[in-house]
Amino acid sequence: MNTLVLLAHSDMENRSIANRRIITKLKAESHVEVRDLYRLYPDFDIDIEAEQRALQSADLIVLQYPIHWYNAPGLLKEWMDRVLQYGFAYGSQGDKLHGKGFMVSVTVGGPENSYQEGGDNSFPMTTFLTPLQQTAKFCGMQWQAPVISHDMVYIPGVWNEKEAVALRAENHADRLLNQIEQYRLMNAA
């Protein structure tokens, strides 16, 4: 059973503690393929056929990214707009993704208590993921519970300690790998 992780972080080398740690752990797994969208397509010129082939070879598709203004980073949105085409992902003959698992793994800068009714962000983080849940449904994929971690940004002298963010990222990666393994066991043929 193959897992495809689509990583969408615009500056993994300089601005990421959490996503870099998560991806390092995922890459160590033999059944996980990581496609770094910003490295592959820095100019947003997406190879649609290559991406569709990668999707077709996967049993479980995972989106890994930091939340940007309550949404996915721009390249991931462009990727979805271009790759999940009529006749491939949906429509009368668009059944290429039917039955595949679909999971979202996100890092969030703010604290969890700010993502609730009455909090600074008004809604729980899962509310912001509903468009992706509907995308999975529309494409015939099996939505899996998302893996969400808060307090995942480090701003020196202002917000969080670097070591604490790294530890939370390790925990996030472990939870994600556990969910991937549970999916693999439930869907082993």
C-alpha atoms as a PDB file:
ATOM      1  CA  MET A   1       0.000   0.000   0.000  1.00  0.00           C
ATOM      2  CA  ASN A   2       1.566   3.265  -1.154  1.00  0.00           C
ATOM      3  CA  THR A   3       1.187   6.631   0.534  1.00  0.00           C
ATOM      4  CA  LEU A   4       1.718   9.825  -1.442  1.00  0.00           C
ATOM      5  CA  VAL A   5       2.475  12.965   0.583  1.00  0.00           C
ATOM      6  CA  LEU A   6       2.053  16.267  -1.228  1.00  0.00           C
ATOM      7  CA  LEU A   7       4.147  18.809   0.648  1.00  0.00           C
ATOM      8  CA  ALA A   8       3.281  22.462   0.139  1.00  0.00           C
ATOM      9  CA  HIS A   9       5.610  24.754   2.086  1.00  0.00           C
ATOM     10  CA  SER A  10       7.074  27.750   0.278  1.00  0.00           C
ATOM     11  CA  ASP A  11      10.362  27.884   2.216  1.00  0.00           C
ATOM     12  CA  MET A  12      11.240  24.601   3.904  1.00  0.00           C
ATOM     13  CA  GLU A  13      14.927  25.438   4.255  1.00  0.00           C
ATOM     14  CA  ASN A  14      14.653  28.809   5.976  1.00  0.00           C
ATOM     15  CA  ARG A  15      11.221  29.206   7.541  1.00  0.00           C
ATOM     16  CA  SER A  16      10.183  25.758   8.678  1.00  0.00           C
ATOM     17  CA  ILE A  17      10.933  23.912  11.838  1.00  0.00           C
ATOM     18  CA  ALA A  18       7.745  21.855  12.062  1.00  0.00           C
ATOM     19  CA  ASN A  19       7.140  20.790   8.464  1.00  0.00           C
ATOM     20  CA  ARG A  20      10.825  20.017   7.936  1.00  0.00           C
ATOM     21  CA  ARG A  21      10.824  17.661  10.962  1.00  0.00           C
ATOM     22  CA  ILE A  22       7.565  16.025   9.886  1.00  0.00           C
ATOM     23  CA  ILE A  23       8.774  15.423   6.330  1.00  0.00           C
ATOM     24  CA  THR A  24      12.124  14.046   7.519  1.00  0.00           C
ATOM     25  CA  LYS A  25      10.294  11.344   9.491  1.00  0.00           C
ATOM     26  CA  LEU A  26       7.915  10.577   6.620  1.00  0.00           C
ATOM     27  CA  LYS A  27      10.754  10.192   4.117  1.00  0.00           C
ATOM     28  CA  ALA A  28      12.267   7.464   6.298  1.00  0.00           C
ATOM     29  CA  GLU A  29       9.277   5.221   5.561  1.00  0.00           C
ATOM     30  CA  SER A  30       9.692   2.944   2.528  1.00  0.00           C
ATOM     31  CA  HIS A  31       6.005   3.038   1.604  1.00  0.00           C
ATOM     32  CA  VAL A  32       5.815   6.857   1.622  1.00  0.00           C
ATOM     33  CA  GLU A  33       6.591   9.034  -1.399  1.00  0.00           C
ATOM     34  CA  VAL A  34       6.967  12.759  -0.698  1.00  0.00           C
ATOM     35  CA  ARG A  35       6.452  15.226  -3.541  1.00  0.00           C
ATOM     36  CA  ASP A  36       7.656  18.708  -2.590  1.00  0.00           C
ATOM     37  CA  LEU A  37       5.431  20.886  -4.761  1.00  0.00           C
ATOM     38  CA  TYR A  38       7.380  24.127  -4.252  1.00  0.00           C
ATOM     39  CA  ARG A  39      10.637  22.394  -5.169  1.00  0.00           C
ATOM     40  CA  LEU A  40       9.077  20.708  -8.223  1.00  0.00           C
ATOM     41  CA  TYR A  41       7.138  23.749  -9.425  1.00  0.00           C
ATOM     42  CA  PRO A  42       8.694  27.002  -8.156  1.00  0.00           C
ATOM     43  CA  ASP A  43       7.215  28.774 -11.180  1.00  0.00           C
ATOM     44  CA  PHE A  44       3.740  27.179 -10.630  1.00  0.00           C
ATOM     45  CA  ASP A  45       4.080  25.402 -14.015  1.00  0.00           C
ATOM     46  CA  ILE A  46       2.626  22.079 -12.878  1.00  0.00           C
ATOM     47  CA  ASP A  47       3.212  18.883 -14.845  1.00  0.00           C
ATOM     48  CA  ILE A  48      -0.403  17.712 -14.752  1.00  0.00           C
ATOM     49  CA  GLU A  49       0.235  14.278 -16.262  1.00  0.00           C
ATOM     50  CA  ALA A  50       3.076  13.507 -13.816  1.00  0.00           C
ATOM     51  CA  GLU A  51       0.922  14.538 -10.879  1.00  0.00           C
ATOM     52  CA  GLN A  52      -2.025  12.468 -12.085  1.00  0.00           C
ATOM     53  CA  ARG A  53       0.246   9.424 -12.480  1.00  0.00           C
ATOM     54  CA  ALA A  54       1.536   9.925  -8.922  1.00  0.00           C
ATOM     55  CA  LEU A  55      -2.038  10.097  -7.626  1.00  0.00           C
ATOM     56  CA  GLN A  56      -3.041   6.968  -9.498  1.00  0.00           C
ATOM     57  CA  SER A  57      -0.149   4.964  -8.032  1.00  0.00           C
ATOM     58  CA  ALA A  58      -1.103   5.904  -4.453  1.00  0.00           C
ATOM     59  CA  ASP A  59      -3.563   4.206  -2.152  1.00  0.00           C
ATOM     60  CA  LEU A  60      -3.538   7.035   0.405  1.00  0.00           C
ATOM     61  CA  ILE A  61      -3.008  10.707  -0.458  1.00  0.00           C
ATOM     62  CA  VAL A  62      -1.832  13.075   2.285  1.00  0.00           C
ATOM     63  CA  LEU A  63      -1.651  16.861   1.995  1.00  0.00           C
ATOM     64  CA  GLN A  64       1.058  18.268   4.308  1.00  0.00           C
ATOM     65  CA  TYR A  65       1.216  22.035   4.717  1.00  0.00           C
ATOM     66  CA  PRO A  66       1.159  24.999   7.087  1.00  0.00           C
ATOM     67  CA  ILE A  67      -2.102  26.921   7.289  1.00  0.00           C
ATOM     68  CA  HIS A  68      -1.942  30.243   5.404  1.00  0.00           C
ATOM     69  CA  TRP A  69      -4.760  32.663   6.117  1.00  0.00           C
ATOM     70  CA  TYR A  70      -7.126  29.813   7.031  1.00  0.00           C
ATOM     71  CA  ASN A  71      -6.343  27.975   3.815  1.00  0.00           C
ATOM     72  CA  ALA A  72      -3.809  25.955   1.874  1.00  0.00           C
ATOM     73  CA  PRO A  73      -0.724  27.667   0.393  1.00  0.00           C
ATOM     74  CA  GLY A  74      -1.209  29.128  -3.099  1.00  0.00           C
ATOM     75  CA  LEU A  75       0.664  26.425  -5.004  1.00  0.00           C
ATOM     76  CA  LEU A  76      -1.409  23.661  -3.420  1.00  0.00           C
ATOM     77  CA  LYS A  77      -4.609  25.432  -4.463  1.00  0.00           C
ATOM     78  CA  GLU A  78      -3.214  25.857  -7.990  1.00  0.00           C
ATOM     79  CA  TRP A  79      -2.213  22.178  -7.968  1.00  0.00           C
ATOM     80  CA  MET A  80      -5.787  21.156  -7.080  1.00  0.00           C
ATOM     81  CA  ASP A  81      -7.265  23.470  -9.728  1.00  0.00           C
ATOM     82  CA  ARG A  82      -5.028  22.053 -12.460  1.00  0.00           C
ATOM     83  CA  VAL A  83      -4.604  18.378 -11.509  1.00  0.00           C
ATOM     84  CA  LEU A  84      -8.062  17.399 -10.242  1.00  0.00           C
ATOM     85  CA  GLN A  85      -9.624  17.771 -13.676  1.00  0.00           C
ATOM     86  CA  TYR A  86     -12.986  16.762 -15.092  1.00  0.00           C
ATOM     87  CA  GLY A  87     -12.654  13.314 -16.613  1.00  0.00           C
ATOM     88  CA  PHE A  88      -9.842  12.445 -14.207  1.00  0.00           C
ATOM     89  CA  ALA A  89     -10.981  13.265 -10.675  1.00  0.00           C
ATOM     90  CA  TYR A  90     -14.700  13.816 -11.250  1.00  0.00           C
ATOM     91  CA  GLY A  91     -17.384  13.698 -13.896  1.00  0.00           C
ATOM     92  CA  SER A  92     -18.992  10.810 -15.735  1.00  0.00           C
ATOM     93  CA  GLN A  93     -15.610   9.168 -16.431  1.00  0.00           C
ATOM     94  CA  GLY A  94     -13.586  10.896 -13.725  1.00  0.00           C
ATOM     95  CA  ASP A  95     -13.170   7.945 -11.432  1.00  0.00           C
ATOM     96  CA  LYS A  96      -9.368   7.706 -11.196  1.00  0.00           C
ATOM     97  CA  LEU A  97      -9.319   8.593  -7.496  1.00  0.00           C
ATOM     98  CA  HIS A  98     -12.374   6.624  -6.367  1.00  0.00           C
ATOM     99  CA  GLY A  99     -11.794   4.628  -3.216  1.00  0.00           C
ATOM    100  CA  LYS A 100      -8.411   6.164  -2.389  1.00  0.00           C
ATOM    101  CA  GLY A 101      -7.834   7.480   1.107  1.00  0.00           C
ATOM    102  CA  PHE A 102      -7.433  11.239   1.542  1.00  0.00           C
ATOM    103  CA  MET A 103      -5.900  12.844   4.630  1.00  0.00           C
ATOM    104  CA  VAL A 104      -4.895  16.371   5.568  1.00  0.00           C
ATOM    105  CA  SER A 105      -1.950  17.048   7.882  1.00  0.00           C
ATOM    106  CA  VAL A 106      -1.564  20.696   8.852  1.00  0.00           C
ATOM    107  CA  THR A 107       0.558  22.823  11.116  1.00  0.00           C
ATOM    108  CA  VAL A 108      -1.062  25.889  12.642  1.00  0.00           C
ATOM    109  CA  GLY A 109       0.814  28.832  14.140  1.00  0.00           C
ATOM    110  CA  GLY A 110      -1.776  29.872  16.707  1.00  0.00           C
ATOM    111  CA  PRO A 111      -2.812  28.110  19.901  1.00  0.00           C
ATOM    112  CA  GLU A 112      -5.681  25.637  19.812  1.00  0.00           C
ATOM    113  CA  ASN A 113      -7.835  27.718  22.176  1.00  0.00           C
ATOM    114  CA  SER A 114      -7.886  30.543  19.624  1.00  0.00           C
ATOM    115  CA  TYR A 115      -9.589  28.174  17.154  1.00  0.00           C
ATOM    116  CA  GLN A 116     -13.002  27.902  18.761  1.00  0.00           C
ATOM    117  CA  GLU A 117     -16.231  29.834  19.023  1.00  0.00           C
ATOM    118  CA  GLY A 118     -15.381  33.044  20.863  1.00  0.00           C
ATOM    119  CA  GLY A 119     -11.661  32.651  20.139  1.00  0.00           C
ATOM    120  CA  ASP A 120      -9.598  34.954  17.920  1.00  0.00           C
ATOM    121  CA  ASN A 121     -10.246  32.726  14.903  1.00  0.00           C
ATOM    122  CA  SER A 122     -13.942  32.063  15.653  1.00  0.00           C
ATOM    123  CA  PHE A 123     -14.060  28.419  14.528  1.00  0.00           C
ATOM    124  CA  PRO A 124     -12.308  25.120  15.227  1.00  0.00           C
ATOM    125  CA  MET A 125      -9.551  24.293  12.747  1.00  0.00           C
ATOM    126  CA  THR A 126     -11.629  21.436  11.309  1.00  0.00           C
ATOM    127  CA  THR A 127     -14.148  24.009  10.032  1.00  0.00           C
ATOM    128  CA  PHE A 128     -11.461  25.506   7.786  1.00  0.00           C
ATOM    129  CA  LEU A 129     -10.786  22.051   6.326  1.00  0.00           C
ATOM    130  CA  THR A 130     -14.373  21.406   5.147  1.00  0.00           C
ATOM    131  CA  PRO A 131     -13.642  22.471   1.519  1.00  0.00           C
ATOM    132  CA  LEU A 132     -10.979  19.736   1.369  1.00  0.00           C
ATOM    133  CA  GLN A 133     -13.372  17.235   2.918  1.00  0.00           C
ATOM    134  CA  GLN A 134     -15.908  18.082   0.213  1.00  0.00           C
ATOM    135  CA  THR A 135     -13.200  17.836  -2.463  1.00  0.00           C
ATOM    136  CA  ALA A 136     -12.426  14.294  -1.285  1.00  0.00           C
ATOM    137  CA  LYS A 137     -16.117  13.388  -1.375  1.00  0.00           C
ATOM    138  CA  PHE A 138     -16.626  14.933  -4.819  1.00  0.00           C
ATOM    139  CA  CYS A 139     -13.652  12.948  -6.165  1.00  0.00           C
ATOM    140  CA  GLY A 140     -14.883   9.689  -4.615  1.00  0.00           C
ATOM    141  CA  MET A 141     -12.076   9.481  -2.072  1.00  0.00           C
ATOM    142  CA  GLN A 142     -12.370   8.309   1.535  1.00  0.00           C
ATOM    143  CA  TRP A 143     -11.868  11.253   3.911  1.00  0.00           C
ATOM    144  CA  GLN A 144      -9.667  10.367   6.876  1.00  0.00           C
ATOM    145  CA  ALA A 145      -9.501  12.311  10.137  1.00  0.00           C
ATOM    146  CA  PRO A 146      -7.026  15.182   9.774  1.00  0.00           C
ATOM    147  CA  VAL A 147      -3.844  15.502  11.809  1.00  0.00           C
ATOM    148  CA  ILE A 148      -3.666  19.030  13.213  1.00  0.00           C
ATOM    149  CA  SER A 149      -1.027  20.605  15.455  1.00  0.00           C
ATOM    150  CA  HIS A 150      -1.166  24.089  16.931  1.00  0.00           C
ATOM    151  CA  ASP A 151       1.554  26.423  18.274  1.00  0.00           C
ATOM    152  CA  MET A 152       3.813  25.345  15.428  1.00  0.00           C
ATOM    153  CA  VAL A 153       5.479  28.653  14.624  1.00  0.00           C
ATOM    154  CA  TYR A 154       8.644  30.028  16.195  1.00  0.00           C
ATOM    155  CA  ILE A 155       9.279  33.768  16.275  1.00  0.00           C
ATOM    156  CA  PRO A 156      12.492  34.456  18.246  1.00  0.00           C
ATOM    157  CA  GLY A 157      11.783  36.360  21.455  1.00  0.00           C
ATOM    158  CA  VAL A 158       8.084  36.676  20.609  1.00  0.00           C
ATOM    159  CA  TRP A 159       6.337  33.332  20.191  1.00  0.00           C
ATOM    160  CA  ASN A 160       7.304  29.827  21.319  1.00  0.00           C
ATOM    161  CA  GLU A 161      10.690  28.235  21.868  1.00  0.00           C
ATOM    162  CA  LYS A 162      12.398  26.509  18.943  1.00  0.00           C
ATOM    163  CA  GLU A 163      12.851  23.271  20.925  1.00  0.00           C
ATOM    164  CA  ALA A 164       9.164  23.190  21.904  1.00  0.00           C
ATOM    165  CA  VAL A 165       8.076  23.574  18.275  1.00  0.00           C
ATOM    166  CA  ALA A 166      10.477  20.811  17.236  1.00  0.00           C
ATOM    167  CA  LEU A 167       9.074  18.508  19.923  1.00  0.00           C
ATOM    168  CA  ARG A 168       5.494  19.217  18.830  1.00  0.00           C
ATOM    169  CA  ALA A 169       6.542  18.496  15.240  1.00  0.00           C
ATOM    170  CA  GLU A 170       7.998  15.124  16.278  1.00  0.00           C
ATOM    171  CA  ASN A 171       4.726  14.325  18.031  1.00  0.00           C
ATOM    172  CA  HIS A 172       2.758  15.415  14.964  1.00  0.00           C
ATOM    173  CA  ALA A 173       4.852  13.159  12.714  1.00  0.00           C
ATOM    174  CA  ASP A 174       4.321  10.215  15.069  1.00  0.00           C
ATOM    175  CA  ARG A 175       0.543  10.777  15.102  1.00  0.00           C
ATOM    176  CA  LEU A 176       0.492  11.079  11.312  1.00  0.00           C
ATOM    177  CA  LEU A 177       2.536   7.907  10.824  1.00  0.00           C
ATOM    178  CA  ASN A 178       0.244   6.103  13.261  1.00  0.00           C
ATOM    179  CA  GLN A 179      -2.835   7.159  11.263  1.00  0.00           C
ATOM    180  CA  ILE A 180      -1.164   6.131   8.009  1.00  0.00           C
ATOM    181  CA  GLU A 181      -0.368   2.725   9.511  1.00  0.00           C
ATOM    182  CA  GLN A 182      -3.945   2.325  10.793  1.00  0.00           C
ATOM    183  CA  TYR A 183      -5.237   3.112   7.304  1.00  0.00           C
ATOM    184  CA  ARG A 184      -2.802   0.608   5.780  1.00  0.00           C
ATOM    185  CA  LEU A 185      -3.903  -2.136   8.193  1.00  0.00           C
ATOM    186  CA  MET A 186      -7.614  -1.474   7.638  1.00  0.00           C
ATOM    187  CA  ASN A 187      -7.185  -1.505   3.847  1.00  0.00           C
ATOM    188  CA  ALA A 188      -4.617  -4.285   3.423  1.00  0.00           C
ATOM    189  CA  ALA A 189      -5.616  -6.644   0.665  1.00  0.00           C
END
